[in-house]
Protein backbone atom coordinates (compact mmCIF):
# COMPACT_ATOMS: atom_id res chain seq x y z
CA UNK A 1 0.00 0.00 0.00
CA UNK A 2 2.78 2.45 0.94
CA UNK A 3 4.54 1.75 -2.32
CA UNK A 4 1.37 2.55 -4.25
CA UNK A 5 0.90 5.81 -2.35
CA UNK A 6 4.50 6.81 -2.83
CA UNK A 7 4.24 6.37 -6.57
CA UNK A 8 1.39 8.88 -6.95
CA UNK A 9 1.29 12.69 -6.65
CA UNK A 10 0.67 13.76 -3.06
CA UNK A 11 -2.40 15.81 -3.96
CA UNK A 12 -4.09 12.67 -5.31
CA UNK A 13 -3.13 10.64 -2.25
CA UNK A 14 -4.45 13.25 0.15
CA UNK A 15 -7.61 13.94 -1.75
CA UNK A 16 -8.81 10.42 -2.45
CA UNK A 17 -8.33 9.53 1.20
CA UNK A 18 -9.28 12.77 2.88
CA UNK A 19 -9.36 16.57 2.85
CA UNK A 20 -7.23 18.89 0.77
CA UNK A 21 -7.41 21.96 0.82
CA UNK A 22 -25.89 28.69 -7.62
CA UNK A 23 -26.83 25.43 -8.87
CA UNK A 24 -30.52 25.77 -9.74
CA UNK A 25 -33.02 22.94 -9.61
CA UNK A 26 -35.50 24.45 -12.04
CA UNK A 27 -33.95 23.12 -15.21
CA UNK A 28 -35.06 19.51 -15.18
CA UNK A 29 -36.77 18.81 -18.48
CA UNK A 30 -38.80 16.01 -19.96
CA UNK A 31 -39.09 12.42 -18.84
CA UNK A 32 -36.56 9.80 -17.95
CA UNK A 33 -36.15 6.52 -19.77
CA UNK A 34 -38.15 4.46 -17.26
CA UNK A 35 -40.79 3.31 -19.71
CA UNK A 36 -41.99 6.85 -20.38
CA UNK A 37 -42.74 7.55 -16.70
CA UNK A 38 -42.49 11.23 -15.85
CA UNK A 39 -39.60 12.25 -13.62
CA UNK A 40 -40.77 12.92 -10.06
CA UNK A 41 -39.32 16.30 -9.12
CA UNK A 42 -40.65 16.19 -5.56
CA UNK A 43 -37.18 15.13 -4.43
CA UNK A 44 -35.95 18.67 -5.10
CA UNK A 45 -37.71 19.91 -1.96
CA UNK A 46 -38.63 18.65 1.48
CA UNK A 47 -41.05 15.75 1.48
CA UNK A 48 -44.27 15.21 3.36
CA UNK A 49 -42.74 14.35 6.75
CA UNK A 50 -41.35 16.73 9.35
CA UNK A 51 -37.95 15.49 10.45
CA UNK A 52 -36.87 14.48 13.93
CA UNK A 53 -33.27 13.90 15.01
CA UNK A 54 -32.24 11.54 17.80
CA UNK A 55 -28.77 11.06 19.26
CA UNK A 56 -27.58 7.68 20.50
CA UNK A 57 -24.19 6.19 21.34
CA UNK A 58 -23.57 2.67 20.06
CA UNK A 59 -20.97 0.69 22.01
CA UNK A 60 -19.12 -2.16 20.33
CA UNK A 61 -17.55 -3.90 23.31
CA UNK A 62 -15.85 -6.51 21.14
CA UNK A 63 -13.83 -3.82 19.38
CA UNK A 64 -13.70 -1.37 22.29
CA UNK A 65 -15.33 1.29 20.14
CA UNK A 66 -17.97 3.85 21.03
CA UNK A 67 -19.83 5.36 18.07
CA UNK A 68 -21.83 8.57 18.58
CA UNK A 69 -24.68 8.32 16.09
CA UNK A 70 -27.36 10.66 14.75
CA UNK A 71 -30.64 9.21 13.56
CA UNK A 72 -32.76 11.37 11.26
CA UNK A 73 -36.32 10.08 10.89
CA UNK A 74 -39.81 10.88 9.61
CA UNK A 75 -41.73 12.40 12.51
CA UNK A 76 -45.35 13.19 13.25
CA UNK A 77 -46.90 16.64 13.62
CA UNK A 78 -46.65 18.82 15.59
CA UNK A 79 -42.93 18.12 15.20
CA UNK A 80 -41.85 20.69 12.62
CA UNK A 81 -38.71 22.42 11.46
CA UNK A 82 -37.53 24.10 14.62
CA UNK A 83 -36.91 27.79 14.22
CA UNK A 84 -33.42 28.42 15.47
CA UNK A 85 -32.20 24.79 15.31
CA UNK A 86 -28.55 25.16 14.40
CA UNK A 87 -26.06 22.60 13.22
CA UNK A 88 -23.84 22.85 16.29
CA UNK A 89 -26.73 21.49 18.38
CA UNK A 90 -25.97 18.12 16.80
CA UNK A 91 -22.56 18.09 18.48
CA UNK A 92 -21.76 17.45 22.15
CA UNK A 93 -19.71 19.70 24.40
CA UNK A 94 -16.91 20.66 24.41
CA UNK A 95 -16.96 20.24 20.65
CA UNK A 96 -20.21 22.18 20.29
CA UNK A 97 -18.64 25.45 21.40
CA UNK A 98 -15.55 24.74 19.32
CA UNK A 99 -17.70 24.18 16.23
CA UNK A 100 -19.45 27.51 16.75
CA UNK A 101 -16.02 29.11 16.66
CA UNK A 102 -15.19 27.35 13.40
CA UNK A 103 -18.50 28.45 11.87
CA UNK A 104 -17.98 32.05 12.94
CA UNK A 105 -14.55 32.08 11.31
CA UNK A 106 -15.70 30.40 8.09
CA UNK A 107 -16.65 32.31 4.93
CA UNK A 108 -20.27 33.44 5.03
CA UNK A 109 -22.67 31.30 3.04
CA UNK A 110 -20.45 28.22 2.87
CA UNK A 111 -21.00 25.83 5.82
CA UNK A 112 -24.54 25.04 6.94
CA UNK A 113 -25.81 26.97 9.94
CA UNK A 114 -29.56 26.23 10.27
CA UNK A 115 -31.41 22.93 9.88
CA UNK A 116 -34.99 22.18 8.80
CA UNK A 117 -35.53 19.59 11.52
CA UNK A 118 -36.28 19.25 15.21
CA UNK A 119 -34.48 17.49 18.03
CA UNK A 120 -36.60 14.62 19.26
CA UNK A 121 -40.27 14.06 18.53
CA UNK A 122 -42.27 10.91 17.88
CA UNK A 123 -41.54 8.80 14.83
CA UNK A 124 -44.25 8.67 12.18
CA UNK A 125 -46.33 5.52 11.93
CA UNK A 126 -45.08 2.86 9.56
CA UNK A 127 -41.80 1.18 8.66
CA UNK A 128 -39.28 3.09 6.60
CA UNK A 129 -36.17 2.13 4.64
CA UNK A 130 -32.88 2.74 6.42
CA UNK A 131 -29.87 4.53 4.92
CA UNK A 132 -26.54 4.19 6.73
CA UNK A 133 -24.07 7.08 6.26
CA UNK A 134 -20.26 7.03 6.38
CA UNK A 135 -18.68 10.47 6.68
CA UNK A 136 -15.60 11.80 4.92
CA UNK A 137 -12.08 11.50 6.35
CA UNK A 138 -11.77 13.55 9.55
CA UNK A 139 -15.33 14.83 9.32
CA UNK A 140 -18.38 14.37 11.56
CA UNK A 141 -21.66 12.49 11.79
CA UNK A 142 -23.46 15.65 10.60
CA UNK A 143 -21.25 16.22 7.55
CA UNK A 144 -24.16 15.43 5.22
CA UNK A 145 -27.03 16.60 7.43
CA UNK A 146 -28.75 18.38 4.53
CA UNK A 147 -28.93 15.12 2.56
CA UNK A 148 -30.03 13.16 5.64
CA UNK A 149 -32.85 15.61 6.36
CA UNK A 150 -34.07 15.51 2.76
CA UNK A 151 -34.13 11.71 2.87
CA UNK A 152 -35.98 11.62 6.19
CA UNK A 153 -38.60 14.07 4.92
CA UNK A 154 -39.30 11.66 2.06
CA UNK A 155 -39.79 8.65 4.32
CA UNK A 156 -36.36 7.25 5.20
CA UNK A 157 -34.59 6.68 8.49
CA UNK A 158 -30.97 7.83 8.17
CA UNK A 159 -28.23 6.83 10.60
CA UNK A 160 -24.88 8.64 10.55
CA UNK A 161 -22.09 7.45 12.83
CA UNK A 162 -18.94 9.18 13.96
CA UNK A 163 -16.01 7.00 12.89
CA UNK A 164 -14.26 7.42 16.23
CA UNK A 165 -10.61 8.36 15.83
CA UNK A 166 -11.25 9.72 12.32
CA UNK A 167 -13.26 12.87 13.01
CA UNK A 168 -12.83 16.61 12.56
CA UNK A 169 -11.73 16.80 16.20
CA UNK A 170 -8.97 14.27 15.56
CA UNK A 171 -7.84 16.39 12.61
CA UNK A 172 -7.64 19.50 14.78
CA UNK A 173 -5.87 17.61 17.57
CA UNK A 174 -3.44 15.97 15.15
CA UNK A 175 -4.16 12.48 16.47
CA UNK A 176 -6.26 11.00 13.68
CA UNK A 177 -6.39 7.42 12.48
CA UNK A 178 -4.14 6.34 9.60
CA UNK A 179 -5.37 6.59 6.04
CA UNK A 180 -5.03 3.01 4.98
CA UNK A 181 -6.85 -0.16 4.13
CA UNK A 182 -6.71 -1.30 7.75
CA UNK A 183 -8.75 1.67 8.93
CA UNK A 184 -11.07 1.28 5.96
CA UNK A 185 -11.91 -2.11 7.46
CA UNK A 186 -12.54 -0.44 10.83
CA UNK A 187 -14.90 2.05 9.21
CA UNK A 188 -16.82 -0.67 7.37
CA UNK A 189 -17.13 -2.62 10.62
CA UNK A 190 -18.51 0.54 12.28
CA UNK A 191 -21.31 0.71 9.70
CA UNK A 192 -22.08 -3.00 9.92
CA UNK A 193 -22.17 -2.90 13.73
CA UNK A 194 -24.37 0.19 13.79
CA UNK A 195 -26.76 -1.43 11.31
CA UNK A 196 -27.11 -4.42 13.60
CA UNK A 197 -27.74 -2.27 16.66
CA UNK A 198 -30.31 -0.10 14.89
CA UNK A 199 -32.33 -3.08 13.73
CA UNK A 200 -31.96 -5.25 16.85
CA UNK A 201 -35.10 -5.52 18.96
CA UNK A 202 -34.26 -4.47 22.50
CA UNK A 203 -31.11 -2.69 21.35
CA UNK A 204 -29.94 0.79 22.38
CA UNK A 205 -32.27 2.61 19.99
CA UNK A 206 -35.57 3.66 21.62
CA UNK A 207 -38.22 1.05 20.80
CA UNK A 208 -40.63 3.39 18.93
CA UNK A 209 -37.81 4.58 16.68
CA UNK A 210 -36.41 1.08 16.19
CA UNK A 211 -39.90 -0.07 15.20
CA UNK A 212 -39.94 2.53 12.41
CA UNK A 213 -36.96 0.89 10.67
CA UNK A 214 -37.54 -1.70 7.98
CA UNK A 215 -34.49 -4.01 8.13
CA UNK A 216 -35.42 -5.53 4.77
CA UNK A 217 -34.74 -2.24 2.93
CA UNK A 218 -31.27 -0.89 3.71
CA UNK A 219 -28.92 1.31 1.72
CA UNK A 220 -25.54 2.91 2.40
CA UNK A 221 -24.21 6.36 1.49
CA UNK A 222 -20.70 7.76 1.83
CA UNK A 223 -18.68 10.85 0.96
CA UNK A 224 -14.96 10.77 0.05
CA UNK A 225 -13.32 8.16 2.34
CA UNK A 226 -16.91 7.31 3.24
CA UNK A 227 -17.61 6.50 -0.42
CA UNK A 228 -15.01 3.74 -0.30
CA UNK A 229 -16.46 2.60 3.03
CA UNK A 230 -19.91 2.47 1.45
CA UNK A 231 -18.45 0.38 -1.37
CA UNK A 232 -17.05 -2.19 1.07
CA UNK A 233 -20.35 -2.41 2.94
CA UNK A 234 -22.59 -2.73 -0.12
CA UNK A 235 -20.20 -5.32 -1.54
CA UNK A 236 -19.84 -7.47 1.59
CA UNK A 237 -23.01 -7.08 3.66
CA UNK A 238 -26.04 -9.06 2.40
CA UNK A 239 -28.36 -6.86 4.48
CA UNK A 240 -27.53 -3.84 2.28
CA UNK A 241 -29.41 -3.54 -1.01
CA UNK A 242 -27.93 -0.39 -2.63
CA UNK A 243 -25.01 2.01 -2.28
CA UNK A 244 -24.22 5.60 -3.30
CA UNK A 245 -20.77 7.23 -3.47
CA UNK A 246 -20.25 10.98 -3.24
CA UNK A 247 -17.08 12.49 -4.78
CA UNK A 248 -14.82 9.44 -4.66
CA UNK A 249 -14.64 6.04 -6.33
CA UNK A 250 -15.81 2.95 -4.47
CA UNK A 251 -13.22 0.80 -6.18
CA UNK A 252 -10.19 2.87 -5.34
CA UNK A 253 -6.59 2.12 -6.35
CA UNK A 254 -5.28 3.65 -3.11
CA UNK A 255 -7.61 1.72 -0.81
CA UNK A 256 -8.06 -1.86 -1.99
CA UNK A 257 -11.12 -3.72 -0.81
CA UNK A 258 -13.83 -3.11 -3.41
CA UNK A 259 -14.26 -4.78 -6.79
CA UNK A 260 -17.10 -3.15 -8.69
CA UNK A 261 -17.57 -6.10 -11.02
CA UNK A 262 -18.57 -8.29 -8.07
CA UNK A 263 -21.44 -6.00 -6.99
CA UNK A 264 -24.76 -6.74 -8.70
CA UNK A 265 -26.67 -4.35 -6.42
CA UNK A 266 -27.73 -0.86 -7.60
CA UNK A 267 -25.00 1.75 -7.31
CA UNK A 268 -24.98 5.54 -7.56
CA UNK A 269 -22.04 7.88 -8.15
CA UNK A 270 -21.75 11.65 -7.86
CA UNK A 271 -18.86 13.39 -9.61
CA UNK A 272 -17.87 16.92 -8.56
CA UNK A 273 -16.55 18.09 -11.92
CA UNK A 274 -14.12 20.67 -10.47
CA UNK A 275 -12.91 18.37 -7.71
CA UNK A 276 -9.29 19.44 -7.49
CA UNK A 277 -9.03 17.41 -4.30
CA UNK A 278 -9.21 14.04 -6.04
CA UNK A 279 -8.24 15.65 -9.40
CA UNK A 280 -9.48 14.66 -12.83
CA UNK A 281 -7.75 11.30 -12.36
CA UNK A 282 -9.91 10.60 -9.33
CA UNK A 283 -13.02 11.66 -11.21
CA UNK A 284 -12.08 9.31 -14.02
CA UNK A 285 -11.86 6.49 -11.49
CA UNK A 286 -15.48 7.30 -10.49
CA UNK A 287 -16.54 7.20 -14.14
CA UNK A 288 -14.72 3.90 -14.54
CA UNK A 289 -16.62 2.52 -11.54
CA UNK A 290 -19.88 3.50 -13.21
CA UNK A 291 -18.87 1.99 -16.54
CA UNK A 292 -17.79 -1.27 -14.86
CA UNK A 293 -20.93 -1.71 -12.72
CA UNK A 294 -22.73 -4.94 -13.58
CA UNK A 295 -26.04 -4.02 -11.96
CA UNK A 296 -28.27 -0.94 -12.21
CA UNK A 297 -26.09 2.17 -11.96
CA UNK A 298 -26.44 5.93 -12.19
CA UNK A 299 -23.90 8.76 -12.45
CA UNK A 300 -24.50 12.44 -11.72
CA UNK A 301 -21.81 14.96 -12.68
CA UNK A 302 -22.33 18.29 -10.90
CA UNK A 303 -21.04 21.38 -12.69
CA UNK A 304 -18.63 23.77 -10.93
CA UNK A 305 -18.63 21.62 -7.77
CA UNK A 306 -15.59 20.98 -5.61
CA UNK A 307 -14.89 18.06 -3.30
CA UNK A 308 -16.69 19.67 -0.35
CA UNK A 309 -19.49 21.45 -2.24
CA UNK A 310 -22.05 18.83 -1.21
CA UNK A 311 -20.96 18.79 2.45
CA UNK A 312 -22.41 20.82 5.31
CA UNK A 313 -18.83 21.29 6.52
CA UNK A 314 -17.55 23.11 3.42
CA UNK A 315 -15.27 25.96 4.47
CA UNK A 316 -15.14 25.25 8.23
CA UNK A 317 -11.40 24.49 8.09
CA UNK A 318 -8.83 25.22 5.37
CA UNK A 319 -8.79 21.60 4.22
CA UNK A 320 -12.53 21.75 3.46
CA UNK A 321 -12.39 24.94 1.39
CA UNK A 322 -12.62 23.43 -2.11
CA UNK A 323 -16.22 24.21 -2.97
CA UNK A 324 -16.43 27.57 -1.24
CA UNK A 325 -15.89 30.83 -3.15
CA UNK A 326 -13.11 31.29 -5.70
CA UNK A 327 -11.07 28.43 -7.07
CA UNK A 328 -8.99 27.21 -9.99
CA UNK A 329 -10.52 24.84 -12.50
CA UNK A 330 -8.82 21.47 -12.40
CA UNK A 331 -9.89 20.94 -16.01
CA UNK A 332 -8.11 23.96 -17.56
CA UNK A 333 -6.34 25.84 -14.75
CA UNK A 334 -8.51 28.95 -15.12
CA UNK A 335 -9.94 30.90 -12.16
CA UNK A 336 -13.65 30.46 -11.47
CA UNK A 337 -16.20 30.59 -8.66
CA UNK A 338 -17.58 27.36 -7.22
CA UNK A 339 -21.32 26.80 -7.46
CA UNK A 340 -23.07 28.21 -4.39
CA UNK A 341 -22.86 25.59 -1.60
CA UNK A 342 -26.46 25.60 -0.35
CA UNK A 343 -28.07 24.93 -3.77
CA UNK A 344 -25.37 22.37 -4.53
CA UNK A 345 -26.12 20.52 -1.29
CA UNK A 346 -29.79 20.62 -2.24
CA UNK A 347 -29.00 19.24 -5.69
CA UNK A 348 -27.02 16.37 -4.19
CA UNK A 349 -29.85 15.71 -1.74
CA UNK A 350 -32.33 15.50 -4.62
CA UNK A 351 -30.31 12.88 -6.51
CA UNK A 352 -29.46 10.83 -3.43
CA UNK A 353 -33.12 10.83 -2.40
CA UNK A 354 -34.23 9.83 -5.90
CA UNK A 355 -31.66 7.03 -5.93
CA UNK A 356 -32.84 5.48 -2.69
CA UNK A 357 -36.52 5.97 -3.57
CA UNK A 358 -35.83 4.16 -6.83
CA UNK A 359 -33.79 1.33 -5.35
CA UNK A 360 -35.35 0.76 -1.91
CA UNK A 361 -39.00 1.60 -2.68
CA UNK A 362 -39.16 0.82 -6.42
CA UNK A 363 -40.42 4.32 -7.22
CA UNK A 364 -40.60 4.64 -11.01
CA UNK A 365 -40.86 8.44 -10.97
CA UNK A 366 -37.71 8.71 -8.85
CA UNK A 367 -35.94 6.31 -11.20
CA UNK A 368 -36.95 8.49 -14.14
CA UNK A 369 -35.60 11.58 -12.35
CA UNK A 370 -32.15 9.99 -12.19
CA UNK A 371 -31.79 10.02 -15.97
CA UNK A 372 -34.01 12.95 -16.97
CA UNK A 373 -32.01 15.51 -18.97
CA UNK A 374 -31.51 18.96 -17.45
CA UNK A 375 -31.80 22.27 -19.27
CA UNK A 376 -30.08 24.31 -16.56
CA UNK A 377 -26.60 22.81 -16.93
CA UNK A 378 -26.40 22.11 -13.20
CA UNK A 379 -25.66 18.45 -13.75
CA UNK A 380 -25.34 15.82 -16.43
CA UNK A 381 -26.78 12.40 -15.75
CA UNK A 382 -26.46 8.88 -17.02
CA UNK A 383 -27.96 5.57 -15.98
CA UNK A 384 -28.86 2.07 -16.97
């Protein structure tokens, strides 16, 4: 592994494994190729359910690991988006106060500040598909909160764990876990363990919330290092039916463990076209993953997006800046301005929600959305 890393440019090594350094939604046009079914654009906005957020710590005694976990879920009225709910409320002290400091120092309009959700509240009646989330290298369990909230509002339970030892706080303390295949295995085991705890009757999740989870419909989502983690889990865990990778390839030459041609399950890939963190080479690896997929697969290429454009953490530290403000195009070296982060997060949330509606609930309109052409230039899509 070290020999492989040493043979590649450092920017590629750093970016594929971790941090380096106004997309509109109105332009969707026509129908997809799902038998003439019209594309369901409801995924572009919040769904019918208000969203509740629960916090639980999952303890894996066998591995001596404690995993702080956020569960986003469809809730019942009068639970509603809480005026004044801010992202730092998802973190525990002393990190909560520290995160406020990072937000205050970050460029305005880049990281997420407010959330359209409420802490607590009763889960809605019914059983909902579950999406497990693996965060980026040295990030947090709320790194993709915008996407999680969109999913929950459309009838999914979403569970996002902190990969202990590989969080933002480890980055700032300088004591983070190594970026290697061994820790990739640790991350994948975190997701598998959390999945078991979330679906286990009598487990640590409150019974009413646990009862809302349908263990027969499970997907996995990951960003950056989390994308590779998601690839391992969807490949190896028979409980998981579909996987989506954000801004990194699942089958990754720097982190062996995934072979796309062995995965017959549905896969989704998002390419940030100006991702100068993983570079054009990394983006080509994502495209190669899509081309090699043997099952249903979709690819979304987001214009003017950087590696962190789809993350709620974009801009909070220098390493997460690619996607916030001015940048240099990795495609031609020219200066440009990244697409506005909030609409880009919303765009990513729309496609991730459509993917899991299509694959976990067999929603034909959502499937059509995944391949419907766009007139606004915000993204180009492909699927089969």
